[in-house]
C-alpha atoms as a PDB file:
ATOM      1  CA  MET A   1    -243.603  99.099 -29.796  1.00  0.00           C
ATOM      2  CA  LYS A   2    -243.155  96.363 -26.970  1.00  0.00           C
ATOM      3  CA  ILE A   3    -244.148  97.243 -23.258  1.00  0.00           C
ATOM      4  CA  VAL A   4    -244.252  94.965 -20.259  1.00  0.00           C
ATOM      5  CA  VAL A   5    -245.436  96.187 -16.557  1.00  0.00           C
ATOM      6  CA  LEU A   6    -243.974  93.844 -14.452  1.00  0.00           C
ATOM      7  CA  ASP A   7    -246.020  93.894 -11.314  1.00  0.00           C
ATOM      8  CA  GLY A   8    -249.337  96.147 -12.037  1.00  0.00           C
ATOM      9  CA  TYR A   9    -251.526  94.604  -9.166  1.00  0.00           C
ATOM     10  CA  THR A  10    -250.926  97.078  -6.440  1.00  0.00           C
ATOM     11  CA  LEU A  11    -251.558 100.034  -8.940  1.00  0.00           C
ATOM     12  CA  ASN A  12    -254.853  98.168 -10.386  1.00  0.00           C
ATOM     13  CA  PRO A  13    -255.985  95.681  -8.896  1.00  0.00           C
ATOM     14  CA  GLY A  14    -259.101  95.777 -10.965  1.00  0.00           C
ATOM     15  CA  ASP A  15    -260.376  98.265 -10.458  1.00  0.00           C
ATOM     16  CA  LEU A  16    -258.429 100.759 -13.199  1.00  0.00           C
ATOM     17  CA  THR A  17    -257.719 100.355 -16.569  1.00  0.00           C
ATOM     18  CA  TRP A  18    -254.458  99.555 -18.764  1.00  0.00           C
ATOM     19  CA  ASP A  19    -256.274 100.646 -21.784  1.00  0.00           C
ATOM     20  CA  GLY A  20    -254.076 104.161 -21.950  1.00  0.00           C
ATOM     21  CA  LEU A  21    -251.016 102.142 -22.028  1.00  0.00           C
ATOM     22  CA  LYS A  22    -252.110  99.276 -24.307  1.00  0.00           C
ATOM     23  CA  GLN A  23    -253.211 102.033 -27.531  1.00  0.00           C
ATOM     24  CA  LEU A  24    -249.293 102.762 -27.188  1.00  0.00           C
ATOM     25  CA  GLY A  25    -247.944  99.667 -28.064  1.00  0.00           C
ATOM     26  CA  THR A  26    -248.537  95.817 -27.220  1.00  0.00           C
ATOM     27  CA  CYS A  27    -248.590  95.394 -24.082  1.00  0.00           C
ATOM     28  CA  ASP A  28    -248.523  92.724 -21.367  1.00  0.00           C
ATOM     29  CA  VAL A  29    -249.611  93.048 -17.953  1.00  0.00           C
ATOM     30  CA  TYR A  30    -248.396  91.226 -15.053  1.00  0.00           C
ATOM     31  CA  ASP A  31    -249.126  91.103 -11.821  1.00  0.00           C
ATOM     32  CA  ARG A  32    -246.102  90.239 -10.126  1.00  0.00           C
ATOM     33  CA  THR A  33    -243.067  88.828 -11.519  1.00  0.00           C
ATOM     34  CA  ALA A  34    -240.368  86.757  -9.640  1.00  0.00           C
ATOM     35  CA  PRO A  35    -236.603  87.705  -9.792  1.00  0.00           C
ATOM     36  CA  GLU A  36    -236.082  85.080 -11.851  1.00  0.00           C
ATOM     37  CA  ASP A  37    -239.061  85.491 -14.319  1.00  0.00           C
ATOM     38  CA  VAL A  38    -238.041  88.888 -14.975  1.00  0.00           C
ATOM     39  CA  LEU A  39    -235.298  88.469 -17.680  1.00  0.00           C
ATOM     40  CA  SER A  40    -238.082  86.108 -19.426  1.00  0.00           C
ATOM     41  CA  ARG A  41    -240.822  88.109 -19.515  1.00  0.00           C
ATOM     42  CA  ALA A  42    -238.827  91.626 -20.220  1.00  0.00           C
ATOM     43  CA  ALA A  43    -236.694  90.234 -23.290  1.00  0.00           C
ATOM     44  CA  ASP A  44    -238.325  91.654 -26.287  1.00  0.00           C
ATOM     45  CA  ALA A  45    -239.588  94.924 -24.401  1.00  0.00           C
ATOM     46  CA  GLU A  46    -238.310  98.667 -25.245  1.00  0.00           C
ATOM     47  CA  ILE A  47    -240.662  99.948 -22.597  1.00  0.00           C
ATOM     48  CA  VAL A  48    -240.113  97.694 -18.790  1.00  0.00           C
ATOM     49  CA  MET A  49    -242.458  99.255 -16.445  1.00  0.00           C
ATOM     50  CA  THR A  50    -241.629  98.840 -12.371  1.00  0.00           C
ATOM     51  CA  ASN A  51    -243.344  99.498  -9.874  1.00  0.00           C
ATOM     52  CA  LYS A  52    -241.104  97.069  -6.806  1.00  0.00           C
ATOM     53  CA  VAL A  53    -239.192  94.726  -9.378  1.00  0.00           C
ATOM     54  CA  VAL A  54    -235.765  95.388  -8.813  1.00  0.00           C
ATOM     55  CA  LEU A  55    -233.577  96.254 -12.261  1.00  0.00           C
ATOM     56  CA  SER A  56    -230.312  96.291 -11.282  1.00  0.00           C
ATOM     57  CA  ARG A  57    -227.102  96.602 -13.296  1.00  0.00           C
ATOM     58  CA  ASP A  58    -227.321  92.740 -14.060  1.00  0.00           C
ATOM     59  CA  ILE A  59    -230.656  92.856 -15.450  1.00  0.00           C
ATOM     60  CA  ILE A  60    -230.336  96.145 -17.427  1.00  0.00           C
ATOM     61  CA  ASN A  61    -227.164  95.013 -19.164  1.00  0.00           C
ATOM     62  CA  SER A  62    -229.406  91.858 -19.865  1.00  0.00           C
ATOM     63  CA  LEU A  63    -231.985  93.437 -22.090  1.00  0.00           C
ATOM     64  CA  PRO A  64    -230.407  94.875 -24.829  1.00  0.00           C
ATOM     65  CA  LYS A  65    -233.874  95.633 -26.703  1.00  0.00           C
ATOM     66  CA  MET A  66    -235.050  98.078 -23.502  1.00  0.00           C
ATOM     67  CA  LYS A  67    -235.331 101.595 -24.387  1.00  0.00           C
ATOM     68  CA  TYR A  68    -237.173 102.977 -21.319  1.00  0.00           C
ATOM     69  CA  ILE A  69    -237.660 102.572 -17.703  1.00  0.00           C
ATOM     70  CA  GLY A  70    -241.138 103.916 -16.220  1.00  0.00           C
ATOM     71  CA  VAL A  71    -241.001 103.487 -12.680  1.00  0.00           C
ATOM     72  CA  LEU A  72    -244.897 102.801 -10.886  1.00  0.00           C
ATOM     73  CA  ALA A  73    -244.038 105.003  -8.277  1.00  0.00           C
ATOM     74  CA  THR A  74    -242.219 108.022  -6.769  1.00  0.00           C
ATOM     75  CA  GLY A  75    -239.055 106.532  -5.343  1.00  0.00           C
ATOM     76  CA  TYR A  76    -236.683 104.612  -7.868  1.00  0.00           C
ATOM     77  CA  ASN A  77    -234.297 103.089  -5.332  1.00  0.00           C
ATOM     78  CA  VAL A  78    -235.534  99.918  -7.306  1.00  0.00           C
ATOM     79  CA  VAL A  79    -233.755 100.516 -10.784  1.00  0.00           C
ATOM     80  CA  ASP A  80    -230.062 100.909 -10.637  1.00  0.00           C
ATOM     81  CA  ILE A  81    -230.303 104.610 -12.602  1.00  0.00           C
ATOM     82  CA  GLN A  82    -226.826 104.413 -13.295  1.00  0.00           C
ATOM     83  CA  ALA A  83    -226.120 101.101 -15.279  1.00  0.00           C
ATOM     84  CA  ALA A  84    -229.442 103.296 -17.318  1.00  0.00           C
ATOM     85  CA  GLN A  85    -228.057 106.213 -17.856  1.00  0.00           C
ATOM     86  CA  GLU A  86    -224.742 104.207 -19.173  1.00  0.00           C
ATOM     87  CA  ARG A  87    -226.908 102.907 -21.543  1.00  0.00           C
ATOM     88  CA  ASN A  88    -228.639 106.139 -22.419  1.00  0.00           C
ATOM     89  CA  ILE A  89    -231.847 104.750 -21.027  1.00  0.00           C
ATOM     90  CA  PRO A  90    -234.153 107.266 -19.584  1.00  0.00           C
ATOM     91  CA  VAL A  91    -235.888 106.445 -15.968  1.00  0.00           C
ATOM     92  CA  THR A  92    -238.912 108.004 -15.254  1.00  0.00           C
ATOM     93  CA  ASN A  93    -241.066 107.890 -11.765  1.00  0.00           C
ATOM     94  CA  ILE A  94    -244.493 109.486 -11.057  1.00  0.00           C
ATOM     95  CA  PRO A  95    -243.577 112.665  -8.223  1.00  0.00           C
ATOM     96  CA  THR A  96    -246.557 114.287  -7.590  1.00  0.00           C
ATOM     97  CA  TYR A  97    -249.958 111.391  -7.436  1.00  0.00           C
ATOM     98  CA  GLY A  98    -250.237 110.712  -3.711  1.00  0.00           C
ATOM     99  CA  THR A  99    -249.466 114.303  -1.776  1.00  0.00           C
ATOM    100  CA  GLN A 100    -252.956 114.399  -0.406  1.00  0.00           C
ATOM    101  CA  SER A 101    -253.687 110.570   0.293  1.00  0.00           C
ATOM    102  CA  VAL A 102    -249.797 110.155   1.856  1.00  0.00           C
ATOM    103  CA  ALA A 103    -251.016 113.643   3.735  1.00  0.00           C
ATOM    104  CA  GLN A 104    -254.338 111.907   5.245  1.00  0.00           C
ATOM    105  CA  MET A 105    -252.749 109.206   6.305  1.00  0.00           C
ATOM    106  CA  VAL A 106    -250.544 110.622   8.493  1.00  0.00           C
ATOM    107  CA  PHE A 107    -253.540 112.137  10.431  1.00  0.00           C
ATOM    108  CA  ALA A 108    -255.271 108.879  10.589  1.00  0.00           C
ATOM    109  CA  HIS A 109    -252.639 107.751  12.413  1.00  0.00           C
ATOM    110  CA  LEU A 110    -251.547 110.591  14.809  1.00  0.00           C
ATOM    111  CA  LEU A 111    -255.744 110.448  15.570  1.00  0.00           C
ATOM    112  CA  ASN A 112    -255.299 106.755  16.278  1.00  0.00           C
ATOM    113  CA  LEU A 113    -252.227 107.366  18.572  1.00  0.00           C
ATOM    114  CA  THR A 114    -253.867 110.172  19.983  1.00  0.00           C
ATOM    115  CA  GLN A 115    -258.082 109.265  20.556  1.00  0.00           C
ATOM    116  CA  ARG A 116    -256.800 105.539  20.774  1.00  0.00           C
ATOM    117  CA  VAL A 117    -259.615 104.809  18.319  1.00  0.00           C
ATOM    118  CA  ALA A 118    -258.577 101.439  16.776  1.00  0.00           C
ATOM    119  CA  TYR A 119    -258.484 100.105  20.812  1.00  0.00           C
ATOM    120  CA  HIS A 120    -261.813 101.966  22.211  1.00  0.00           C
ATOM    121  CA  ALA A 121    -263.697 100.233  18.759  1.00  0.00           C
ATOM    122  CA  GLN A 122    -262.312  97.210  19.911  1.00  0.00           C
ATOM    123  CA  THR A 123    -263.519  97.293  23.080  1.00  0.00           C
ATOM    124  CA  VAL A 124    -267.023  98.195  21.899  1.00  0.00           C
ATOM    125  CA  ALA A 125    -267.392  95.321  19.344  1.00  0.00           C
ATOM    126  CA  GLU A 126    -266.310  93.379  22.659  1.00  0.00           C
ATOM    127  CA  GLY A 127    -269.400  93.851  24.738  1.00  0.00           C
ATOM    128  CA  ARG A 128    -267.559  96.712  27.346  1.00  0.00           C
ATOM    129  CA  TRP A 129    -269.965 100.145  26.168  1.00  0.00           C
ATOM    130  CA  ALA A 130    -272.926  97.590  26.316  1.00  0.00           C
ATOM    131  CA  LYS A 131    -271.820  96.310  30.067  1.00  0.00           C
ATOM    132  CA  SER A 132    -270.662  99.810  31.284  1.00  0.00           C
ATOM    133  CA  GLU A 133    -272.589 101.550  33.888  1.00  0.00           C
ATOM    134  CA  ASP A 134    -271.144 105.128  32.754  1.00  0.00           C
ATOM    135  CA  PHE A 135    -272.620 106.404  29.385  1.00  0.00           C
ATOM    136  CA  CYS A 136    -268.589 106.236  28.475  1.00  0.00           C
ATOM    137  CA  TYR A 137    -265.210 105.106  29.143  1.00  0.00           C
ATOM    138  CA  TRP A 138    -261.257 105.403  27.976  1.00  0.00           C
ATOM    139  CA  ASP A 139    -258.377 103.334  29.393  1.00  0.00           C
ATOM    140  CA  TYR A 140    -255.803 106.354  28.039  1.00  0.00           C
ATOM    141  CA  PRO A 141    -255.271 110.055  27.950  1.00  0.00           C
ATOM    142  CA  LEU A 142    -257.288 111.499  24.862  1.00  0.00           C
ATOM    143  CA  ILE A 143    -255.366 114.102  23.593  1.00  0.00           C
ATOM    144  CA  GLU A 144    -256.152 116.843  21.995  1.00  0.00           C
ATOM    145  CA  LEU A 145    -253.701 118.154  18.697  1.00  0.00           C
ATOM    146  CA  ALA A 146    -254.371 122.073  19.050  1.00  0.00           C
ATOM    147  CA  ASP A 147    -251.080 123.636  20.270  1.00  0.00           C
ATOM    148  CA  LEU A 148    -249.172 120.463  20.235  1.00  0.00           C
ATOM    149  CA  THR A 149    -245.942 120.815  18.164  1.00  0.00           C
ATOM    150  CA  MET A 150    -245.878 119.046  14.661  1.00  0.00           C
ATOM    151  CA  GLY A 151    -242.220 118.400  13.133  1.00  0.00           C
ATOM    152  CA  ILE A 152    -241.750 117.217   9.580  1.00  0.00           C
ATOM    153  CA  ILE A 153    -238.923 115.560   8.445  1.00  0.00           C
ATOM    154  CA  GLY A 154    -238.443 116.117   4.517  1.00  0.00           C
ATOM    155  CA  PHE A 155    -240.295 119.670   3.341  1.00  0.00           C
ATOM    156  CA  GLY A 156    -241.203 118.552  -0.068  1.00  0.00           C
ATOM    157  CA  ARG A 157    -245.035 118.465  -1.452  1.00  0.00           C
ATOM    158  CA  ILE A 158    -246.097 115.767   0.926  1.00  0.00           C
ATOM    159  CA  GLY A 159    -244.484 117.621   3.958  1.00  0.00           C
ATOM    160  CA  GLN A 160    -245.467 120.818   2.638  1.00  0.00           C
ATOM    161  CA  ALA A 161    -249.332 119.272   2.825  1.00  0.00           C
ATOM    162  CA  THR A 162    -249.033 117.924   5.980  1.00  0.00           C
ATOM    163  CA  GLY A 163    -248.214 121.124   7.751  1.00  0.00           C
ATOM    164  CA  LYS A 164    -251.398 122.440   6.405  1.00  0.00           C
ATOM    165  CA  ILE A 165    -253.397 119.802   7.689  1.00  0.00           C
ATOM    166  CA  ALA A 166    -251.590 120.156  11.423  1.00  0.00           C
ATOM    167  CA  ILE A 167    -251.881 124.066  11.194  1.00  0.00           C
ATOM    168  CA  ALA A 168    -255.676 123.551  10.286  1.00  0.00           C
ATOM    169  CA  PHE A 169    -255.739 121.203  13.549  1.00  0.00           C
ATOM    170  CA  GLY A 170    -253.838 124.281  15.919  1.00  0.00           C
ATOM    171  CA  MET A 171    -250.567 122.436  15.709  1.00  0.00           C
ATOM    172  CA  LYS A 172    -247.124 124.443  15.994  1.00  0.00           C
ATOM    173  CA  VAL A 173    -245.117 123.251  12.974  1.00  0.00           C
ATOM    174  CA  ILE A 174    -242.126 122.931  12.142  1.00  0.00           C
ATOM    175  CA  ALA A 175    -240.039 121.376   9.227  1.00  0.00           C
ATOM    176  CA  TYR A 176    -236.752 119.922   8.180  1.00  0.00           C
ATOM    177  CA  ASP A 177    -235.155 119.347   5.250  1.00  0.00           C
ATOM    178  CA  ILE A 178    -231.851 119.482   3.241  1.00  0.00           C
ATOM    179  CA  TYR A 179    -232.827 121.666   0.492  1.00  0.00           C
ATOM    180  CA  PRO A 180    -235.149 124.203   2.894  1.00  0.00           C
ATOM    181  CA  PRO A 181    -237.377 126.129   0.522  1.00  0.00           C
ATOM    182  CA  PRO A 182    -236.346 129.680   0.139  1.00  0.00           C
ATOM    183  CA  SER A 183    -239.279 131.385   2.402  1.00  0.00           C
ATOM    184  CA  PRO A 184    -241.124 128.636   4.334  1.00  0.00           C
ATOM    185  CA  PRO A 185    -245.024 128.722   4.354  1.00  0.00           C
ATOM    186  CA  GLU A 186    -247.154 130.937   6.914  1.00  0.00           C
ATOM    187  CA  GLY A 187    -247.082 129.025  10.511  1.00  0.00           C
ATOM    188  CA  VAL A 188    -244.027 127.590   9.447  1.00  0.00           C
ATOM    189  CA  GLU A 189    -240.375 127.283  11.206  1.00  0.00           C
ATOM    190  CA  LEU A 190    -237.355 125.466   9.594  1.00  0.00           C
ATOM    191  CA  VAL A 191    -235.333 124.582  12.169  1.00  0.00           C
ATOM    192  CA  ASP A 192    -232.397 121.877  12.005  1.00  0.00           C
ATOM    193  CA  LEU A 193    -232.780 118.114  13.170  1.00  0.00           C
ATOM    194  CA  ASP A 194    -232.064 117.737  16.795  1.00  0.00           C
ATOM    195  CA  THR A 195    -235.224 120.735  17.548  1.00  0.00           C
ATOM    196  CA  ILE A 196    -237.184 118.826  15.268  1.00  0.00           C
ATOM    197  CA  PHE A 197    -236.496 115.695  17.831  1.00  0.00           C
ATOM    198  CA  ARG A 198    -236.089 117.420  20.939  1.00  0.00           C
ATOM    199  CA  GLU A 199    -239.261 119.986  20.567  1.00  0.00           C
ATOM    200  CA  SER A 200    -241.864 117.728  18.084  1.00  0.00           C
ATOM    201  CA  ASP A 201    -245.060 116.121  19.472  1.00  0.00           C
ATOM    202  CA  ALA A 202    -245.425 114.599  16.414  1.00  0.00           C
ATOM    203  CA  VAL A 203    -242.462 113.454  14.226  1.00  0.00           C
ATOM    204  CA  THR A 204    -243.768 112.686  10.740  1.00  0.00           C
ATOM    205  CA  LEU A 205    -241.491 111.658   7.737  1.00  0.00           C
ATOM    206  CA  HIS A 206    -241.423 112.390   3.894  1.00  0.00           C
ATOM    207  CA  CYS A 207    -238.040 111.863   2.774  1.00  0.00           C
ATOM    208  CA  LEU A 208    -236.921 109.950  -0.613  1.00  0.00           C
ATOM    209  CA  LEU A 209    -234.552 107.052   0.875  1.00  0.00           C
ATOM    210  CA  THR A 210    -230.733 107.526  -0.036  1.00  0.00           C
ATOM    211  CA  GLU A 211    -227.832 105.918   1.168  1.00  0.00           C
ATOM    212  CA  GLU A 212    -226.979 109.030   3.680  1.00  0.00           C
ATOM    213  CA  ASN A 213    -230.373 109.030   5.648  1.00  0.00           C
ATOM    214  CA  VAL A 214    -230.783 104.937   6.290  1.00  0.00           C
ATOM    215  CA  GLY A 215    -231.604 104.217  10.064  1.00  0.00           C
ATOM    216  CA  LEU A 216    -232.312 108.657   9.938  1.00  0.00           C
ATOM    217  CA  VAL A 217    -234.004 107.792  13.186  1.00  0.00           C
ATOM    218  CA  ASN A 218    -232.223 105.689  15.818  1.00  0.00           C
ATOM    219  CA  ALA A 219    -231.284 105.173  19.457  1.00  0.00           C
ATOM    220  CA  GLU A 220    -229.795 108.431  19.252  1.00  0.00           C
ATOM    221  CA  ARG A 221    -231.949 110.298  17.680  1.00  0.00           C
ATOM    222  CA  LEU A 222    -235.163 108.329  19.546  1.00  0.00           C
ATOM    223  CA  SER A 223    -233.402 109.310  22.765  1.00  0.00           C
ATOM    224  CA  GLN A 224    -233.686 113.167  21.646  1.00  0.00           C
ATOM    225  CA  MET A 225    -237.498 112.551  21.626  1.00  0.00           C
ATOM    226  CA  LYS A 226    -239.715 113.568  24.024  1.00  0.00           C
ATOM    227  CA  LYS A 227    -241.765 110.088  26.384  1.00  0.00           C
ATOM    228  CA  THR A 228    -245.324 111.756  25.530  1.00  0.00           C
ATOM    229  CA  ALA A 229    -243.975 112.193  21.580  1.00  0.00           C
ATOM    230  CA  PHE A 230    -245.482 109.726  18.582  1.00  0.00           C
ATOM    231  CA  LEU A 231    -243.044 109.161  15.369  1.00  0.00           C
ATOM    232  CA  ILE A 232    -245.118 108.570  12.181  1.00  0.00           C
ATOM    233  CA  ASN A 233    -243.326 107.102   9.003  1.00  0.00           C
ATOM    234  CA  THR A 234    -245.664 106.695   5.429  1.00  0.00           C
ATOM    235  CA  SER A 235    -242.114 107.542   3.650  1.00  0.00           C
ATOM    236  CA  ARG A 236    -239.758 104.124   3.620  1.00  0.00           C
ATOM    237  CA  GLY A 237    -239.228 102.114   6.311  1.00  0.00           C
ATOM    238  CA  PRO A 238    -235.512 101.950   5.939  1.00  0.00           C
ATOM    239  CA  LEU A 239    -235.471 106.106   7.592  1.00  0.00           C
ATOM    240  CA  VAL A 240    -236.247 104.331  10.882  1.00  0.00           C
ATOM    241  CA  ASP A 241    -234.060 101.375  13.177  1.00  0.00           C
ATOM    242  CA  GLN A 242    -236.643  98.988  13.638  1.00  0.00           C
ATOM    243  CA  ASP A 243    -234.382  97.476  16.363  1.00  0.00           C
ATOM    244  CA  ALA A 244    -234.189 101.234  18.045  1.00  0.00           C
ATOM    245  CA  LEU A 245    -237.477 101.881  17.563  1.00  0.00           C
ATOM    246  CA  VAL A 246    -238.940  98.746  18.771  1.00  0.00           C
ATOM    247  CA  ASN A 247    -236.788  99.281  22.166  1.00  0.00           C
ATOM    248  CA  ALA A 248    -238.212 103.102  22.390  1.00  0.00           C
ATOM    249  CA  LEU A 249    -241.887 101.894  22.624  1.00  0.00           C
ATOM    250  CA  ASN A 250    -241.059  98.910  24.789  1.00  0.00           C
ATOM    251  CA  THR A 251    -239.294 100.836  27.485  1.00  0.00           C
ATOM    252  CA  GLY A 252    -241.445 104.385  27.665  1.00  0.00           C
ATOM    253  CA  GLN A 253    -238.650 106.097  25.900  1.00  0.00           C
ATOM    254  CA  ILE A 254    -241.539 107.629  23.176  1.00  0.00           C
ATOM    255  CA  ALA A 255    -245.434 106.929  23.580  1.00  0.00           C
ATOM    256  CA  GLY A 256    -246.247 105.214  20.395  1.00  0.00           C
ATOM    257  CA  ALA A 257    -245.880 104.989  16.444  1.00  0.00           C
ATOM    258  CA  GLY A 258    -247.806 104.725  13.325  1.00  0.00           C
ATOM    259  CA  LEU A 259    -245.670 102.907  10.432  1.00  0.00           C
ATOM    260  CA  ASP A 260    -247.487 102.229   6.922  1.00  0.00           C
ATOM    261  CA  VAL A 261    -244.422 101.046   6.059  1.00  0.00           C
ATOM    262  CA  LEU A 262    -241.460  99.011   6.962  1.00  0.00           C
ATOM    263  CA  PRO A 263    -237.530  97.953   6.560  1.00  0.00           C
ATOM    264  CA  THR A 264    -238.632  95.179   4.603  1.00  0.00           C
ATOM    265  CA  GLU A 265    -242.144  94.901   2.854  1.00  0.00           C
ATOM    266  CA  PRO A 266    -243.905  92.457   3.199  1.00  0.00           C
ATOM    267  CA  PRO A 267    -242.253  91.870   6.765  1.00  0.00           C
ATOM    268  CA  ASP A 268    -241.769  88.907   8.418  1.00  0.00           C
ATOM    269  CA  ALA A 269    -244.186  86.900  10.322  1.00  0.00           C
ATOM    270  CA  ASP A 270    -242.616  87.329  13.641  1.00  0.00           C
ATOM    271  CA  ASN A 271    -241.550  91.142  13.054  1.00  0.00           C
ATOM    272  CA  PRO A 272    -241.695  92.640  16.628  1.00  0.00           C
ATOM    273  CA  LEU A 273    -243.388  95.712  15.894  1.00  0.00           C
ATOM    274  CA  TYR A 274    -246.449  93.539  15.747  1.00  0.00           C
ATOM    275  CA  THR A 275    -246.369  93.520  19.691  1.00  0.00           C
ATOM    276  CA  ALA A 276    -244.310  96.419  20.606  1.00  0.00           C
ATOM    277  CA  LYS A 277    -246.046  98.879  22.839  1.00  0.00           C
ATOM    278  CA  ASN A 278    -248.932 101.312  21.290  1.00  0.00           C
ATOM    279  CA  CYS A 279    -247.486 100.691  17.693  1.00  0.00           C
ATOM    280  CA  TYR A 280    -249.733 100.394  14.852  1.00  0.00           C
ATOM    281  CA  VAL A 281    -248.644  99.319  11.542  1.00  0.00           C
ATOM    282  CA  THR A 282    -250.214  99.543   8.579  1.00  0.00           C
ATOM    283  CA  PRO A 283    -249.380  97.935   5.271  1.00  0.00           C
ATOM    284  CA  HIS A 284    -248.074 100.189   3.087  1.00  0.00           C
ATOM    285  CA  ILE A 285    -251.549 101.804   1.384  1.00  0.00           C
ATOM    286  CA  SER A 286    -251.154 105.477   2.179  1.00  0.00           C
ATOM    287  CA  TRP A 287    -250.528 106.030  -1.166  1.00  0.00           C
ATOM    288  CA  ALA A 288    -253.908 103.623  -2.672  1.00  0.00           C
ATOM    289  CA  THR A 289    -256.568 105.615  -2.609  1.00  0.00           C
ATOM    290  CA  ARG A 290    -258.283 105.130  -5.728  1.00  0.00           C
ATOM    291  CA  SER A 291    -257.973 108.613  -6.884  1.00  0.00           C
ATOM    292  CA  ALA A 292    -254.084 108.470  -6.211  1.00  0.00           C
ATOM    293  CA  ARG A 293    -254.064 105.248  -8.666  1.00  0.00           C
ATOM    294  CA  ALA A 294    -255.939 107.113 -11.150  1.00  0.00           C
ATOM    295  CA  ARG A 295    -253.341 109.921 -11.222  1.00  0.00           C
ATOM    296  CA  LEU A 296    -250.434 107.393 -10.918  1.00  0.00           C
ATOM    297  CA  MET A 297    -251.888 105.994 -13.720  1.00  0.00           C
ATOM    298  CA  ASN A 298    -252.716 108.764 -16.037  1.00  0.00           C
ATOM    299  CA  THR A 299    -248.850 109.831 -15.323  1.00  0.00           C
ATOM    300  CA  ALA A 300    -247.306 106.469 -16.361  1.00  0.00           C
ATOM    301  CA  VAL A 301    -249.111 107.001 -19.743  1.00  0.00           C
ATOM    302  CA  ASN A 302    -248.279 110.528 -20.273  1.00  0.00           C
ATOM    303  CA  ASN A 303    -244.986 109.748 -19.523  1.00  0.00           C
ATOM    304  CA  VAL A 304    -244.779 106.994 -21.775  1.00  0.00           C
ATOM    305  CA  LYS A 305    -246.132 109.748 -24.642  1.00  0.00           C
ATOM    306  CA  ALA A 306    -243.988 111.778 -23.604  1.00  0.00           C
ATOM    307  CA  PHE A 307    -240.912 109.376 -24.202  1.00  0.00           C
ATOM    308  CA  LEU A 308    -242.453 107.907 -27.512  1.00  0.00           C
ATOM    309  CA  ASP A 309    -242.677 111.628 -28.985  1.00  0.00           C
ATOM    310  CA  GLY A 310    -239.131 112.145 -28.247  1.00  0.00           C
ATOM    311  CA  HIS A 311    -238.945 114.433 -24.922  1.00  0.00           C
ATOM    312  CA  PRO A 312    -239.480 112.633 -22.121  1.00  0.00           C
ATOM    313  CA  GLU A 313    -240.795 114.015 -18.542  1.00  0.00           C
ATOM    314  CA  ASN A 314    -240.205 113.384 -14.935  1.00  0.00           C
ATOM    315  CA  VAL A 315    -237.034 111.659 -16.267  1.00  0.00           C
ATOM    316  CA  VAL A 316    -234.821 110.865 -12.599  1.00  0.00           C
ATOM    317  CA  ASN A 317    -231.272 110.413 -14.527  1.00  0.00           C
ATOM    318  CA  SER A 318    -230.054 112.108 -17.538  1.00  0.00           C
ATOM    319  CA  GLY A 319    -230.957 109.705 -19.954  1.00  0.00           C
END
């Protein structure tokens, strides 16, 4: 069985091992694959694994030996799953590996926004504290999370884990999901989207990207938010209308944003969010703790094993 990993570097930059996958067949692992190299590298592969390399209908139909596609992530929008289904090729994903890591990153951003951690640490490094006449200083209001409202859009595993942390901070939690759980966890109120944007002091996104929710956070939604509210996105960049967010930040329509994802990744060098007021952007790292990546690797290997055993798991199409 020939296995090809098209873009393995972000999953395993050297601190994990591909041995589990290599035990299942001949395995070629590429750190990165340019679009023009996909067909040549995957030509003889029966199992093709991708993280962000796009497998379009044309590519899928140009790889006659391919029998299985493994996505090394939760989101699988990089694969034309309908084209794969038409060829009876199962497409699998990794559904649960990063739950705690992503929820943790939500609060890394939120605490930075409410305590201005990065800003104040920088002023100390620049020597300001050493010159201070007082034992402390702060340049912005410092905000306590207790009794504030966290609004969660997308209340699956990650959304629920985020809600638990928010409750531990003493926050009120409201949530919206297109497929809400039949009974919400204790301390969580299920509401509509208008209520989320209108009442939340922090809105955090935890949705899979679909054609229907591109630009979910647009100018109209941002205008509903409190001027003191923050937006956190650790989910998918296209959920947010970037131009609308830049305008909302620079005009003081909302108080700040913490973003781990952008509509285009890597972003342009002159992306306006870099200079937007009180906006902090991290390079899509909420998923990337070693613990989460080790779980991802283990599930990816188990997905391939299950396929080889004739009982594929975590299939996102009907195969």
